[in-house]
Protein backbone atom coordinates (compact mmCIF):
# COMPACT_ATOMS: atom_id res chain seq x y z
CA MET A 1 15.27 60.88 12.65
CA LEU A 2 17.49 60.66 15.74
CA LEU A 3 16.25 60.45 19.33
CA GLU A 4 17.86 62.75 21.88
CA LYS A 5 19.14 61.33 25.13
CA LYS A 6 16.42 63.04 27.18
CA GLU A 7 13.54 61.81 25.06
CA VAL A 8 10.71 60.13 27.02
CA PHE A 9 8.18 57.56 25.77
CA VAL A 10 4.67 57.22 27.14
CA GLY A 11 2.99 53.78 27.41
CA LEU A 12 -0.67 52.81 27.20
CA ASN A 13 -1.34 53.59 30.85
CA GLY A 14 0.46 56.92 30.82
CA VAL A 15 3.63 55.60 32.44
CA LYS A 16 6.67 57.58 31.35
CA ILE A 17 9.47 55.41 30.05
CA GLY A 18 13.00 56.79 29.95
CA LYS A 19 15.44 56.34 27.11
CA GLU A 20 17.36 53.68 28.98
CA ASN A 21 14.22 51.64 29.63
CA GLY A 22 13.10 52.07 26.08
CA MET A 23 16.38 50.66 24.85
CA ARG A 24 16.05 47.78 27.31
CA ALA A 25 12.52 47.05 26.07
CA GLY A 26 13.70 46.57 22.53
CA LEU A 27 13.80 50.07 20.90
CA TYR A 28 16.95 50.77 18.93
CA ASN A 29 18.29 54.04 17.54
CA SER A 30 18.71 54.77 13.88
CA PRO A 31 21.62 52.77 12.49
CA SER A 32 23.21 55.84 10.87
CA PRO A 33 26.90 55.84 9.93
CA GLN A 34 27.50 59.06 11.94
CA GLN A 35 26.21 57.53 15.15
CA ARG A 36 28.22 54.35 14.68
CA PHE A 37 31.32 56.47 14.08
CA ARG A 38 30.67 58.50 17.29
CA ARG A 39 30.36 55.25 19.28
CA ARG A 40 33.57 53.93 17.82
CA GLY A 41 35.27 57.20 18.78
CA LEU A 42 34.28 56.71 22.38
CA ALA A 43 35.53 53.15 22.24
CA GLN A 44 38.90 54.31 20.95
CA ARG A 45 39.49 56.39 24.09
CA ARG A 46 39.15 53.24 26.21
CA PRO A 47 42.26 51.16 26.80
CA ALA A 48 42.33 48.37 24.21
CA HIS A 49 44.74 46.27 22.29
CA LEU A 50 45.69 47.21 18.81
CA TYR A 51 44.01 44.21 17.21
CA LEU A 52 40.64 45.19 18.70
CA LEU A 53 40.91 48.63 17.10
CA ILE A 54 41.78 47.10 13.74
CA ALA A 55 38.88 44.65 14.00
CA GLY A 56 36.49 47.51 14.79
CA LEU A 57 37.61 49.53 11.81
CA LEU A 58 37.23 46.52 9.53
CA SER A 59 33.70 45.94 10.86
CA ILE A 60 32.73 49.56 10.15
CA ALA A 61 34.14 49.28 6.66
CA GLY A 62 32.16 46.10 6.12
CA PHE A 63 28.89 47.74 7.23
CA ILE A 64 29.48 50.74 4.96
CA PHE A 65 30.26 48.42 2.05
CA VAL A 66 27.06 46.40 2.66
CA GLY A 67 25.04 49.62 2.93
CA LEU A 68 26.41 50.87 -0.37
CA ARG A 69 25.74 47.54 -2.02
CA GLY A 70 22.16 47.55 -0.65
CA HIS A 71 21.39 51.12 -1.84
CA THR A 72 19.00 51.00 -4.75
CA ASN A 73 19.80 53.23 -7.68
CA PRO A 74 16.61 55.15 -8.58
CA SER A 75 17.58 55.10 -12.23
CA GLN A 76 17.91 51.31 -12.23
CA SER A 77 15.05 49.51 -13.96
CA VAL A 78 12.80 46.99 -12.25
CA SER A 79 14.17 44.16 -14.35
CA GLU A 80 17.74 45.12 -13.48
CA ARG A 81 16.94 45.16 -9.78
CA ALA A 82 15.21 41.78 -10.04
CA ALA A 83 18.28 40.27 -11.69
CA GLY A 84 20.43 40.67 -8.56
CA ILE A 85 19.83 40.69 -4.78
CA ASP A 86 17.24 43.36 -4.08
CA GLY A 87 17.76 46.02 -1.40
CA SER A 88 15.23 44.57 1.02
CA THR A 89 16.88 41.14 0.99
CA GLU A 90 20.36 42.50 1.65
CA GLU A 91 18.99 44.91 4.23
CA ALA A 92 17.38 42.01 6.05
CA LEU A 93 20.73 40.20 6.18
CA SER A 94 22.41 43.16 7.89
CA LEU A 95 22.93 43.00 11.65
CA ASP A 96 21.61 46.56 12.04
CA SER A 97 18.65 46.18 9.68
CA LEU A 98 15.32 47.65 10.69
CA SER A 99 13.49 44.59 9.36
CA ARG A 100 15.46 42.37 11.71
CA GLN A 101 14.74 44.65 14.66
CA LEU A 102 11.04 44.63 13.77
CA GLY A 103 11.11 40.84 13.51
CA ASP A 104 12.72 40.47 16.94
CA GLN A 105 10.16 42.80 18.51
CA MET A 106 7.31 40.93 16.78
CA ILE A 107 8.50 37.64 18.32
CA LEU A 108 8.48 39.19 21.79
CA CYS A 109 5.08 40.79 21.20
CA LYS A 110 3.56 37.47 20.05
CA SER A 111 4.82 35.71 23.18
CA TYR A 112 3.54 38.46 25.49
CA ALA A 113 0.19 38.56 23.68
CA VAL A 114 -0.35 34.86 24.45
CA ILE A 115 0.59 35.34 28.11
CA ALA A 116 -1.60 38.45 28.39
CA LYS A 117 -4.61 36.47 27.11
CA GLU A 118 -3.89 33.71 29.62
CA ASN A 119 -3.92 36.36 32.38
CA ASN A 120 -7.14 37.89 31.02
CA ASN A 121 -5.38 41.17 30.14
CA LEU A 122 -7.29 41.51 26.89
CA GLN A 123 -6.48 45.21 26.38
CA LEU A 124 -2.74 44.62 26.37
CA ALA A 125 -3.16 41.56 24.16
CA TRP A 126 -5.24 43.59 21.69
CA HIS A 127 -2.66 46.41 21.48
CA LEU A 128 0.17 43.90 21.01
CA SER A 129 -1.75 42.16 18.23
CA ALA A 130 -2.45 45.52 16.56
CA GLN A 131 1.24 46.45 16.50
CA ILE A 132 2.15 42.97 15.21
CA ARG A 133 -0.27 43.45 12.31
CA ALA A 134 1.16 46.91 11.61
CA ALA A 135 4.71 45.51 11.52
CA GLN A 136 3.64 42.66 9.24
CA GLN A 137 1.98 45.10 6.84
CA LEU A 138 5.12 47.25 6.72
CA LEU A 139 7.35 44.26 6.04
CA SER A 140 4.99 43.08 3.31
CA LEU A 141 4.94 46.54 1.72
CA THR A 142 8.72 46.86 1.62
CA ALA A 143 9.10 43.33 0.25
CA THR A 144 6.67 44.19 -2.56
CA ARG A 145 8.39 47.43 -3.56
CA GLY A 146 11.89 45.91 -3.23
CA THR A 147 13.46 48.69 -1.13
CA PRO A 148 14.77 48.71 2.46
CA ILE A 149 12.55 49.90 5.33
CA LEU A 150 12.92 53.61 6.02
CA TRP A 151 13.49 54.86 9.55
CA ASP A 152 10.51 57.22 9.34
CA GLU A 153 8.27 54.22 8.54
CA ALA A 154 9.63 51.91 11.23
CA GLU A 155 10.13 54.34 14.12
CA PRO A 156 6.44 54.77 15.18
CA ILE A 157 5.82 51.03 15.20
CA MET A 158 9.09 50.24 17.01
CA ARG A 159 8.40 52.99 19.55
CA GLU A 160 4.93 51.62 20.36
CA MET A 161 6.10 47.98 20.50
CA ALA A 162 8.96 49.00 22.82
CA ALA A 163 6.50 50.66 25.18
CA LEU A 164 4.20 47.64 25.13
CA ILE A 165 7.08 45.22 25.74
CA PHE A 166 8.25 47.32 28.69
CA GLN A 167 4.72 47.39 30.08
CA ALA A 168 4.47 43.61 29.75
CA LYS A 169 7.76 43.21 31.62
CA GLU A 170 6.52 45.48 34.37
CA LEU A 171 3.57 43.10 34.74
CA HIS A 172 6.10 40.28 35.28
CA TYR A 173 5.44 38.65 31.91
CA ASP A 174 9.10 37.65 31.81
CA SER A 175 10.69 34.44 30.49
CA ALA A 176 10.82 32.73 33.90
CA THR A 177 7.11 33.28 34.49
CA MET A 178 6.38 32.19 30.95
CA LEU A 179 8.32 28.94 31.37
CA MET A 180 6.55 28.13 34.61
CA LYS A 181 3.14 28.72 33.05
CA LEU A 182 4.02 26.65 29.99
CA LYS A 183 5.25 23.77 32.13
CA ALA A 184 2.04 23.84 34.16
CA GLU A 185 -0.06 23.91 30.99
CA MET A 186 1.95 21.04 29.45
CA GLN A 187 1.40 18.94 32.55
CA ALA A 188 -2.33 19.68 32.52
CA LEU A 189 -2.57 18.84 28.81
CA GLU A 190 -0.68 15.58 29.36
CA GLU A 191 -3.11 14.57 32.10
CA MET A 192 -6.03 15.43 29.83
CA ALA A 193 -4.52 13.38 27.00
CA ASN A 194 -4.04 10.37 29.28
CA THR A 195 -7.63 10.65 30.50
CA ALA A 196 -8.92 10.93 26.93
CA ALA A 197 -6.86 7.91 25.84
CA THR A 198 -8.22 5.84 28.71
CA GLN A 199 -11.79 6.87 27.94
CA SER A 200 -11.27 6.10 24.26
CA ALA A 201 -9.95 2.63 25.10
CA THR A 202 -12.88 2.06 27.48
CA PHE A 203 -15.56 3.09 25.00
CA GLY A 204 -13.90 1.25 22.14
CA GLN A 205 -13.66 -1.96 24.16
CA LEU A 206 -17.26 -1.70 25.30
CA ALA A 207 -18.44 -1.06 21.74
CA ALA A 208 -16.47 -4.05 20.46
CA GLU A 209 -17.83 -6.39 23.15
CA ALA A 210 -21.46 -5.28 22.90
CA VAL A 211 -23.84 -7.07 20.52
CA PRO A 212 -25.41 -4.54 18.12
CA LYS A 213 -29.18 -4.19 18.40
CA SER A 214 -29.68 -5.27 14.78
CA LEU A 215 -27.59 -8.43 15.24
CA HIS A 216 -29.43 -9.30 18.45
CA CYS A 217 -32.74 -8.76 16.64
CA LEU A 218 -31.64 -11.11 13.85
CA SER A 219 -30.78 -13.91 16.28
CA LEU A 220 -34.09 -13.53 18.13
CA ARG A 221 -36.17 -13.65 14.96
CA LEU A 222 -34.30 -16.68 13.64
CA VAL A 223 -34.57 -18.55 16.95
CA THR A 224 -38.29 -17.77 17.11
CA LYS A 225 -38.71 -19.15 13.61
CA TRP A 226 -36.82 -22.33 14.57
CA ALA A 227 -38.85 -22.85 17.73
CA THR A 228 -42.25 -22.31 16.10
CA ASP A 229 -41.80 -23.88 12.65
CA GLU A 230 -41.93 -27.67 12.89
CA LYS A 231 -41.72 -28.11 9.11
CA LEU A 232 -38.45 -26.20 9.08
CA ARG A 233 -36.96 -28.49 11.71
CA GLU A 234 -38.09 -31.56 9.74
CA LYS A 235 -36.55 -30.11 6.58
CA VAL A 236 -33.22 -29.55 8.35
CA GLY A 237 -33.28 -33.06 9.83
CA ALA A 238 -33.78 -34.63 6.41
CA ALA A 239 -31.00 -32.51 4.92
CA GLU A 240 -28.57 -33.60 7.64
CA LYS A 241 -29.14 -37.25 6.76
CA ASN A 242 -28.45 -36.56 3.10
CA LEU A 243 -25.20 -34.67 3.69
CA ALA A 244 -23.82 -37.14 6.29
CA PRO A 245 -21.54 -38.99 3.80
CA LYS A 246 -19.89 -35.74 2.75
CA LEU A 247 -18.99 -34.82 6.34
CA THR A 248 -16.37 -37.59 6.51
CA ASP A 249 -15.27 -37.71 2.86
CA THR A 250 -11.55 -36.87 2.88
CA ARG A 251 -11.57 -36.20 -0.88
CA LEU A 252 -13.55 -33.00 -0.28
CA TYR A 253 -12.39 -29.61 1.01
CA HIS A 254 -13.34 -29.25 4.67
CA PHE A 255 -13.57 -25.85 6.41
CA CYS A 256 -14.11 -25.16 10.14
CA VAL A 257 -15.90 -22.05 11.42
CA PHE A 258 -16.50 -21.66 15.18
CA SER A 259 -18.82 -18.73 15.88
CA ASP A 260 -21.90 -17.41 17.68
CA ASN A 261 -22.29 -14.63 15.08
CA VAL A 262 -24.87 -15.64 12.45
CA LEU A 263 -24.07 -12.87 9.99
CA GLY A 264 -20.29 -13.18 10.42
CA ALA A 265 -20.35 -16.93 9.75
CA SER A 266 -22.66 -16.37 6.79
CA VAL A 267 -20.23 -13.93 5.14
CA VAL A 268 -17.31 -16.33 5.62
CA ILE A 269 -19.20 -19.22 4.01
CA ASN A 270 -20.84 -17.14 1.27
CA SER A 271 -17.56 -15.48 0.22
CA THR A 272 -15.78 -18.87 0.13
CA ILE A 273 -18.50 -20.39 -2.06
CA VAL A 274 -18.74 -17.41 -4.44
CA ASN A 275 -14.98 -17.41 -5.11
CA SER A 276 -14.57 -21.21 -5.34
CA HIS A 277 -13.91 -22.88 -8.69
CA HIS A 278 -15.67 -26.06 -7.49
CA PRO A 279 -18.23 -25.19 -4.78
CA GLU A 280 -19.71 -28.68 -4.97
CA LEU A 281 -16.52 -29.98 -3.33
CA LEU A 282 -16.79 -27.70 -0.28
CA VAL A 283 -17.93 -28.85 3.18
CA PHE A 284 -18.38 -26.42 6.08
CA HIS A 285 -18.34 -27.53 9.71
CA VAL A 286 -19.92 -24.77 11.84
CA VAL A 287 -19.87 -24.98 15.64
CA THR A 288 -21.82 -22.42 17.68
CA ASP A 289 -23.31 -22.38 21.18
CA LEU A 290 -26.69 -23.71 22.29
CA VAL A 291 -28.23 -20.22 22.43
CA ASN A 292 -27.51 -19.53 18.75
CA HIS A 293 -27.91 -23.08 17.42
CA GLY A 294 -31.50 -22.54 16.26
CA ALA A 295 -30.63 -19.22 14.66
CA MET A 296 -27.78 -20.78 12.69
CA GLN A 297 -29.98 -23.70 11.55
CA THR A 298 -32.73 -21.36 10.37
CA TRP A 299 -30.41 -18.99 8.52
CA PHE A 300 -28.52 -21.64 6.55
CA ALA A 301 -31.72 -23.60 5.84
CA GLU A 302 -33.66 -20.62 4.46
CA ASN A 303 -30.90 -19.04 2.36
CA ASP A 304 -29.35 -20.31 -0.84
CA PHE A 305 -25.74 -21.47 -0.52
CA LYS A 306 -25.66 -23.35 -3.85
CA GLY A 307 -26.37 -26.69 -2.23
CA VAL A 308 -23.05 -26.75 -0.38
CA ALA A 309 -22.88 -29.12 2.60
CA ILE A 310 -23.06 -27.11 5.85
CA GLU A 311 -23.03 -28.91 9.20
CA ILE A 312 -24.30 -27.00 12.29
CA ARG A 313 -23.40 -28.25 15.79
CA TYR A 314 -23.22 -26.64 19.23
CA VAL A 315 -20.28 -26.82 21.60
CA GLU A 316 -22.37 -27.99 24.58
CA SER A 317 -23.02 -31.26 22.73
CA PHE A 318 -19.35 -32.22 23.16
CA THR A 319 -19.75 -33.67 26.64
CA TRP A 320 -16.09 -34.68 26.78
CA LEU A 321 -15.18 -30.96 26.87
CA ASN A 322 -15.43 -30.60 30.63
CA ALA A 323 -13.36 -29.25 33.51
CA THR A 324 -11.76 -32.65 34.06
CA TYR A 325 -10.22 -32.64 30.58
CA VAL A 326 -9.97 -28.96 29.58
CA PRO A 327 -7.56 -26.81 31.67
CA VAL A 328 -9.31 -23.56 30.72
CA LEU A 329 -12.66 -24.77 32.06
CA LYS A 330 -10.98 -26.01 35.22
CA GLN A 331 -9.27 -22.66 35.74
CA LEU A 332 -12.55 -20.80 35.31
CA GLN A 333 -13.92 -22.61 38.35
CA ASP A 334 -11.11 -21.14 40.48
CA ALA A 335 -12.13 -18.15 42.61
CA GLY A 336 -8.89 -16.33 41.84
CA THR A 337 -9.42 -16.66 38.10
CA GLN A 338 -13.01 -15.47 38.35
CA SER A 339 -11.89 -12.43 40.32
CA TYR A 340 -9.15 -11.75 37.77
CA TYR A 341 -11.55 -11.79 34.81
CA PHE A 342 -14.75 -10.41 36.30
CA ARG A 343 -13.57 -8.11 39.09
CA SER A 344 -10.35 -6.72 37.64
CA ASN A 345 -9.02 -3.68 39.42
CA THR A 346 -9.81 -0.71 37.19
CA GLN A 347 -8.54 1.93 39.59
CA GLY A 348 -5.81 4.12 38.28
CA GLY A 349 -5.39 5.17 34.70
CA GLY A 350 -3.29 4.64 31.65
CA GLU A 351 -2.12 1.20 30.63
CA THR A 352 -3.33 -0.52 33.83
CA GLN A 353 -6.96 0.25 33.12
CA LYS A 354 -6.67 -0.52 29.40
CA THR A 355 -5.19 -3.94 30.19
CA ALA A 356 -7.90 -4.69 32.76
CA LEU A 357 -10.54 -4.01 30.10
CA LYS A 358 -8.89 -6.49 27.76
CA PHE A 359 -8.91 -9.15 30.47
CA ARG A 360 -12.70 -8.84 30.82
CA ASN A 361 -13.36 -9.46 27.12
CA PRO A 362 -15.76 -12.47 26.98
CA LYS A 363 -14.00 -13.99 23.97
CA TYR A 364 -11.10 -15.06 26.19
CA LEU A 365 -13.52 -17.10 28.31
CA SER A 366 -15.56 -18.63 25.47
CA MET A 367 -15.04 -22.30 24.75
CA LEU A 368 -15.72 -21.47 21.10
CA ASN A 369 -12.45 -19.55 21.14
CA HIS A 370 -10.50 -22.49 22.62
CA LEU A 371 -12.20 -25.16 20.51
CA ARG A 372 -9.57 -24.69 17.78
CA PHE A 373 -7.14 -26.72 19.92
CA TYR A 374 -9.47 -29.75 19.81
CA ILE A 375 -10.18 -29.98 16.05
CA PRO A 376 -8.76 -33.54 15.64
CA GLU A 377 -11.08 -34.76 18.40
CA VAL A 378 -14.13 -32.89 17.07
CA TYR A 379 -13.52 -34.37 13.59
CA PRO A 380 -11.70 -37.67 14.18
CA THR A 381 -12.07 -38.97 10.61
CA LEU A 382 -10.72 -35.91 8.76
CA GLU A 383 -7.11 -35.59 7.58
CA LYS A 384 -6.77 -31.91 6.64
CA VAL A 385 -8.93 -28.84 7.32
CA VAL A 386 -8.79 -25.09 6.77
CA PHE A 387 -9.73 -23.09 9.86
CA LEU A 388 -11.44 -19.70 9.29
CA ASP A 389 -12.37 -17.07 11.88
CA ASP A 390 -15.81 -15.47 11.65
CA ASP A 391 -14.33 -12.01 10.93
CA VAL A 392 -12.64 -12.89 7.63
CA VAL A 393 -13.69 -12.50 4.01
CA VAL A 394 -12.50 -14.96 1.35
CA GLN A 395 -11.63 -13.37 -2.00
CA ARG A 396 -9.91 -16.22 -3.88
CA ASP A 397 -10.36 -19.93 -4.47
CA LEU A 398 -8.81 -21.75 -1.48
CA SER A 399 -8.62 -25.26 -2.92
CA ASP A 400 -4.83 -24.95 -3.41
CA LEU A 401 -4.40 -24.82 0.37
CA PHE A 402 -5.34 -28.50 0.60
CA SER A 403 -2.51 -29.51 -1.73
CA LEU A 404 0.20 -27.44 -0.02
CA ASP A 405 3.23 -29.33 1.26
CA LEU A 406 3.62 -28.45 4.95
CA HIS A 407 6.96 -30.34 5.09
CA GLY A 408 5.91 -32.48 8.03
CA ASN A 409 4.49 -29.56 10.03
CA VAL A 410 1.06 -29.40 11.61
CA ASN A 411 0.06 -25.77 11.09
CA GLY A 412 0.28 -23.70 7.91
CA ALA A 413 0.02 -19.99 8.78
CA VAL A 414 1.13 -16.55 7.61
CA GLU A 415 3.91 -15.11 9.76
CA THR A 416 3.41 -11.64 11.23
CA CYS A 417 6.91 -10.58 12.26
CA LEU A 418 8.43 -7.52 10.64
CA GLU A 419 11.81 -6.79 12.25
CA SER A 420 11.05 -6.97 16.03
CA PHE A 421 7.29 -6.59 15.69
CA HIS A 422 5.12 -9.62 16.58
CA ARG A 423 7.97 -11.85 17.67
CA PHE A 424 7.66 -14.22 20.61
CA HIS A 425 8.97 -11.74 23.18
CA LYS A 426 5.96 -9.51 22.42
CA TYR A 427 3.53 -12.19 23.60
CA LEU A 428 5.39 -14.19 26.25
CA ASN A 429 7.13 -13.42 29.53
CA PHE A 430 10.77 -14.30 28.84
CA SER A 431 11.77 -13.37 32.38
CA HIS A 432 10.10 -16.61 33.43
CA PRO A 433 12.63 -19.48 33.42
CA LYS A 434 10.23 -21.96 31.77
CA ILE A 435 9.70 -19.67 28.81
CA LYS A 436 13.32 -18.54 28.62
CA SER A 437 14.69 -22.11 28.59
CA HIS A 438 12.33 -23.52 25.94
CA PHE A 439 11.76 -20.77 23.36
CA ASP A 440 13.61 -18.24 21.22
CA PRO A 441 12.48 -14.67 22.00
CA ASP A 442 13.14 -13.64 18.39
CA ALA A 443 11.11 -16.49 16.90
CA CYS A 444 8.55 -15.22 14.40
CA GLY A 445 4.92 -15.06 15.42
CA TRP A 446 2.05 -16.06 13.18
CA ALA A 447 -1.70 -15.46 13.03
CA PHE A 448 -4.85 -17.41 13.72
CA GLY A 449 -7.77 -16.72 11.39
CA MET A 450 -6.77 -18.65 8.27
CA ASN A 451 -4.83 -21.80 9.06
CA VAL A 452 -4.24 -25.11 7.30
CA PHE A 453 -4.09 -28.00 9.78
CA ASP A 454 -2.70 -31.45 8.97
CA LEU A 455 -4.76 -33.43 11.46
CA ASP A 456 -2.77 -36.66 11.00
CA LYS A 457 0.45 -34.87 11.97
CA TRP A 458 -1.44 -33.13 14.78
CA ARG A 459 -2.40 -36.49 16.29
CA GLU A 460 1.09 -37.83 15.73
CA LYS A 461 2.74 -34.88 17.52
CA ASN A 462 0.00 -34.78 20.17
CA VAL A 463 -0.31 -30.99 19.90
CA THR A 464 -3.41 -30.87 22.11
CA ALA A 465 -1.40 -32.38 25.00
CA ARG A 466 1.25 -29.69 24.49
CA TYR A 467 -1.48 -27.06 24.66
CA HIS A 468 -2.82 -28.59 27.89
CA TYR A 469 0.65 -28.58 29.45
CA TRP A 470 1.28 -24.89 28.86
CA GLN A 471 -2.23 -23.90 29.92
CA GLU A 472 -1.71 -25.69 33.23
CA GLN A 473 1.67 -23.97 33.69
CA ASN A 474 -0.01 -20.59 33.20
CA VAL A 475 -2.64 -21.03 35.92
CA ASP A 476 -1.19 -17.96 37.71
CA ARG A 477 -0.95 -16.02 34.38
CA THR A 478 2.79 -15.44 34.69
CA LEU A 479 3.71 -16.92 31.28
CA TRP A 480 1.29 -14.75 29.29
CA LYS A 481 -1.64 -12.53 30.14
CA LEU A 482 -4.52 -13.24 27.79
CA GLY A 483 -5.78 -14.73 24.53
CA THR A 484 -5.37 -17.98 22.64
CA LEU A 485 -2.52 -16.87 20.38
CA PRO A 486 0.27 -17.16 23.02
CA ALA A 487 -0.95 -20.68 23.85
CA GLY A 488 -0.97 -21.48 20.13
CA LEU A 489 2.58 -20.16 19.68
CA LEU A 490 3.78 -22.54 22.38
CA ALA A 491 1.71 -25.56 21.29
CA PHE A 492 2.73 -25.28 17.62
CA TYR A 493 6.34 -24.19 18.28
CA GLY A 494 8.56 -25.86 15.69
CA LEU A 495 5.48 -27.27 13.93
CA THR A 496 4.39 -24.26 11.83
CA GLU A 497 4.97 -23.88 8.09
CA PRO A 498 5.10 -20.25 6.88
CA LEU A 499 2.68 -19.46 4.05
CA ASP A 500 2.92 -16.74 1.43
CA ARG A 501 1.61 -13.44 2.79
CA HIS A 502 -1.03 -13.06 0.09
CA TRP A 503 -3.00 -15.92 1.64
CA HIS A 504 -3.90 -13.92 4.75
CA ILE A 505 -4.04 -10.09 4.97
CA LEU A 506 -4.39 -8.91 8.56
CA GLY A 507 -5.28 -5.68 10.34
CA LEU A 508 -8.56 -4.50 8.80
CA GLY A 509 -10.02 -4.17 12.28
CA TYR A 510 -7.43 -1.71 13.61
CA ASP A 511 -4.96 -0.51 10.93
CA ALA A 512 -6.19 2.33 8.70
CA ASN A 513 -3.08 2.29 6.48
CA ILE A 514 -3.17 -1.10 4.79
CA ASP A 515 -2.15 -0.93 1.15
CA THR A 516 -5.15 -1.14 -1.20
CA GLU A 517 -3.29 -3.42 -3.61
CA SER A 518 -2.51 -5.87 -0.79
CA ILE A 519 -6.20 -6.03 0.15
CA GLU A 520 -7.28 -6.57 -3.47
CA ASN A 521 -4.70 -9.32 -4.02
CA GLY A 522 -5.26 -11.07 -0.66
CA ALA A 523 -6.91 -14.48 -0.71
CA VAL A 524 -8.34 -13.90 2.78
CA VAL A 525 -8.68 -10.52 4.51
CA HIS A 526 -9.03 -10.47 8.27
CA TYR A 527 -10.82 -7.84 10.39
CA ASN A 528 -8.82 -8.69 13.50
CA GLY A 529 -9.10 -5.94 16.09
CA ASN A 530 -12.01 -4.11 17.70
CA MET A 531 -13.41 -2.49 14.54
CA LYS A 532 -15.42 -5.43 13.25
CA PRO A 533 -17.24 -4.90 9.95
CA TRP A 534 -20.70 -5.48 11.48
CA LEU A 535 -20.15 -2.69 14.04
CA LYS A 536 -20.77 1.01 13.51
CA LEU A 537 -17.19 1.76 14.53
CA ALA A 538 -15.87 -0.26 11.56
CA MET A 539 -13.54 1.64 9.26
CA SER A 540 -15.54 2.84 6.26
CA ARG A 541 -12.62 2.20 3.91
CA TYR A 542 -12.70 -1.57 4.54
CA LYS A 543 -16.41 -2.17 5.19
CA PRO A 544 -17.45 -2.52 1.49
CA VAL A 545 -15.22 -5.61 1.16
CA TRP A 546 -17.36 -7.35 3.79
CA GLU A 547 -20.72 -5.89 2.71
CA ARG A 548 -20.22 -7.31 -0.79
CA TYR A 549 -21.34 -10.67 0.60
CA VAL A 550 -24.34 -9.43 2.62
CA ASP A 551 -27.78 -9.43 1.00
CA TYR A 552 -29.46 -6.42 2.56
CA GLU A 553 -32.69 -7.30 0.73
CA ASN A 554 -33.06 -10.41 2.90
CA PRO A 555 -36.38 -10.14 4.83
CA TYR A 556 -34.76 -10.87 8.18
CA LEU A 557 -32.11 -8.19 7.65
CA ARG A 558 -34.70 -5.64 6.55
CA GLN A 559 -36.86 -6.38 9.60
CA CYS A 560 -33.84 -5.78 11.86
CA ASN A 561 -32.80 -2.53 10.11
CA PHE A 562 -29.51 -3.72 8.66
CA HIS A 563 -28.14 -1.17 6.24
């Protein structure tokens, strides 16, 4: 069916659309050979070079050849047609194919439908969607039957889509308007994403810092028991006298755990004992704060830990840890430092606010967190210890750590650098001349959480004095921003022996993609990060590893609704 030059289309709103506008809106005439030949005849009467005429004739011949190749012989069987390129496929490859024209119009209609919805023109959007569905059904039908689209089938749909496209253009739904709207929407979405990320960081940080109700309940009940049960206190006092010789026996395996979390410390100790080949040789030195001292004493006195020696002390009893000796305590008395930690500027968004939240984390102010740099002074008679954080789980016997050769180094730790990740320049400010002149920015970082310390070498190298020096240099926080790890990297620089990675598997508190085999084969797994295993925001995939060493039938845990 051919359209005459004077033919007029009518749109949805009754607007008459001339042939020229219909062509401009995307409607094309039937790609018949006669019409193409008439157009070429007109072109021949125009002045042109001979090679253009030859090229035109070759193009016409090519189109005719493709059309003949694409014509399906009615007598040809289905299997014969399936063996070669079917008519619909070759028709779709043609420049003048109806399927291609339908596809182009569908793309325009989809774009205008989205813009019409944004402008609340639901009627136009509905009509565009209806024609898109009609075109899709026609294309699906022709693909199923394996024959090209017929003009009589395509013409009504193309006519209606052309009218709708023209109407959309008349409403100024053009590409320039579309780009402006999309840019505005992208900017709005980016602002929303930044706000959501900041809120997520805020809520996650608050959840990580807060003490869960059940854990607070446990501490209160244990402290109450300690304060009201005189027989319990007498029992603990007698036990301390009996275990005193073991506390200084260098032939035994000594472990340090510094924590104010009763349940966290319990899992560390319980998992170490359960997986030890010789639990009778283990000695645990637990240091907590005065508030939780009674809770710790009650818990370890009333639960069975196979008779292992467990010493409980509180950090306030170390009177030599004062502002005169400890740079961190001295800095906390400074008004500028207090303002920095407690009244950080949280105005603005993005990374500034996230960083300010990290600065206010209480763990960076806790002396329990900095006590690891004073282990030789806390335990002056010991020669070698294994330091464990309260958010680790031990899965293998750790006695081999005490026989490791550290090659004259002080600290045995698992390195964390993979390519450029977790190297010194990630933690320290190498634009500062003191850092730049003393350290290699590509030096490999390592992790606290499971460390072997040779205390004799520590005293020999005077590592605590090195730690004091760098803490005093960072009084204005220009060398590093927060945490104990940067200070540890500087204090133990050149004094750290790399351990095999299987000794310490990190990331269970923030990385959801840790290999299962690595976790199963790890001697110690570490929930470093905000998603601690005792919090509700802990990752469910890793929580069973920790819960394996929690007795939920314990009366105290049941009273405090642990589950």
